[in-house]
């Protein structure tokens, strides 16, 4: 699988309409972008509990979901372009159903690995000023996903993103997302299988353990 990187994005802390501070609003970067173990150096993460550590260094959000959101919720001025959903990487042609936990991709000279789906949170609704967005995204498994950086490097918009190694082919990001965060609780055996995957993130394992206690 190979797609073109439409944008690499980063942002800084800013106040949401609710007054809460967040780094969710990002903007496309021009030129060559350095990608390290904690992601893009210029990208600020406000909540370090849930973002910005090695297993969640880069966030990828399919551009197709922008059209889906606008179709279901109507115009949203703050959904202005790549980076508006907090993503560092924007592409067309690759979704949560195409990508699996542990897949490795080459972007520029960097090597990155899919570690877990993103869990949509209330910050998205505060940012977009649209109620019901998170519930709809969860139901449709339109989560986006995170990467860890295996080999730091450089990339820029227009570069190819090429899958160079398949990870756990039975566990797409969509399946992992619904199993862990979906409204219908996955069977214990499936959750234990997901938690045992070699390349899954520690954060997702923690959330799976919580799910198993419900």
Foldseek 3Di string as FASTA:
>chain_A
DKFFWQFFWAFDWDAFPVRDIFGQAIDGDDDKFWQDQQGTPRHDGDDPVQHRHQAFNFWEAEPVVLVVCCVVFNDFVLPPDPSSRNGRTYTYDDALQRAFFQFWKDAANWIKGWAAFAQDDCVNCSRRVTPPPNVVCLVVLRTTTGIGTPGIDMHGGRTMIGGPDHFPVVGGNSNLSCCQPNPDHDDPVVLVVVLPGPRHDPVSVVSSVVSVVD
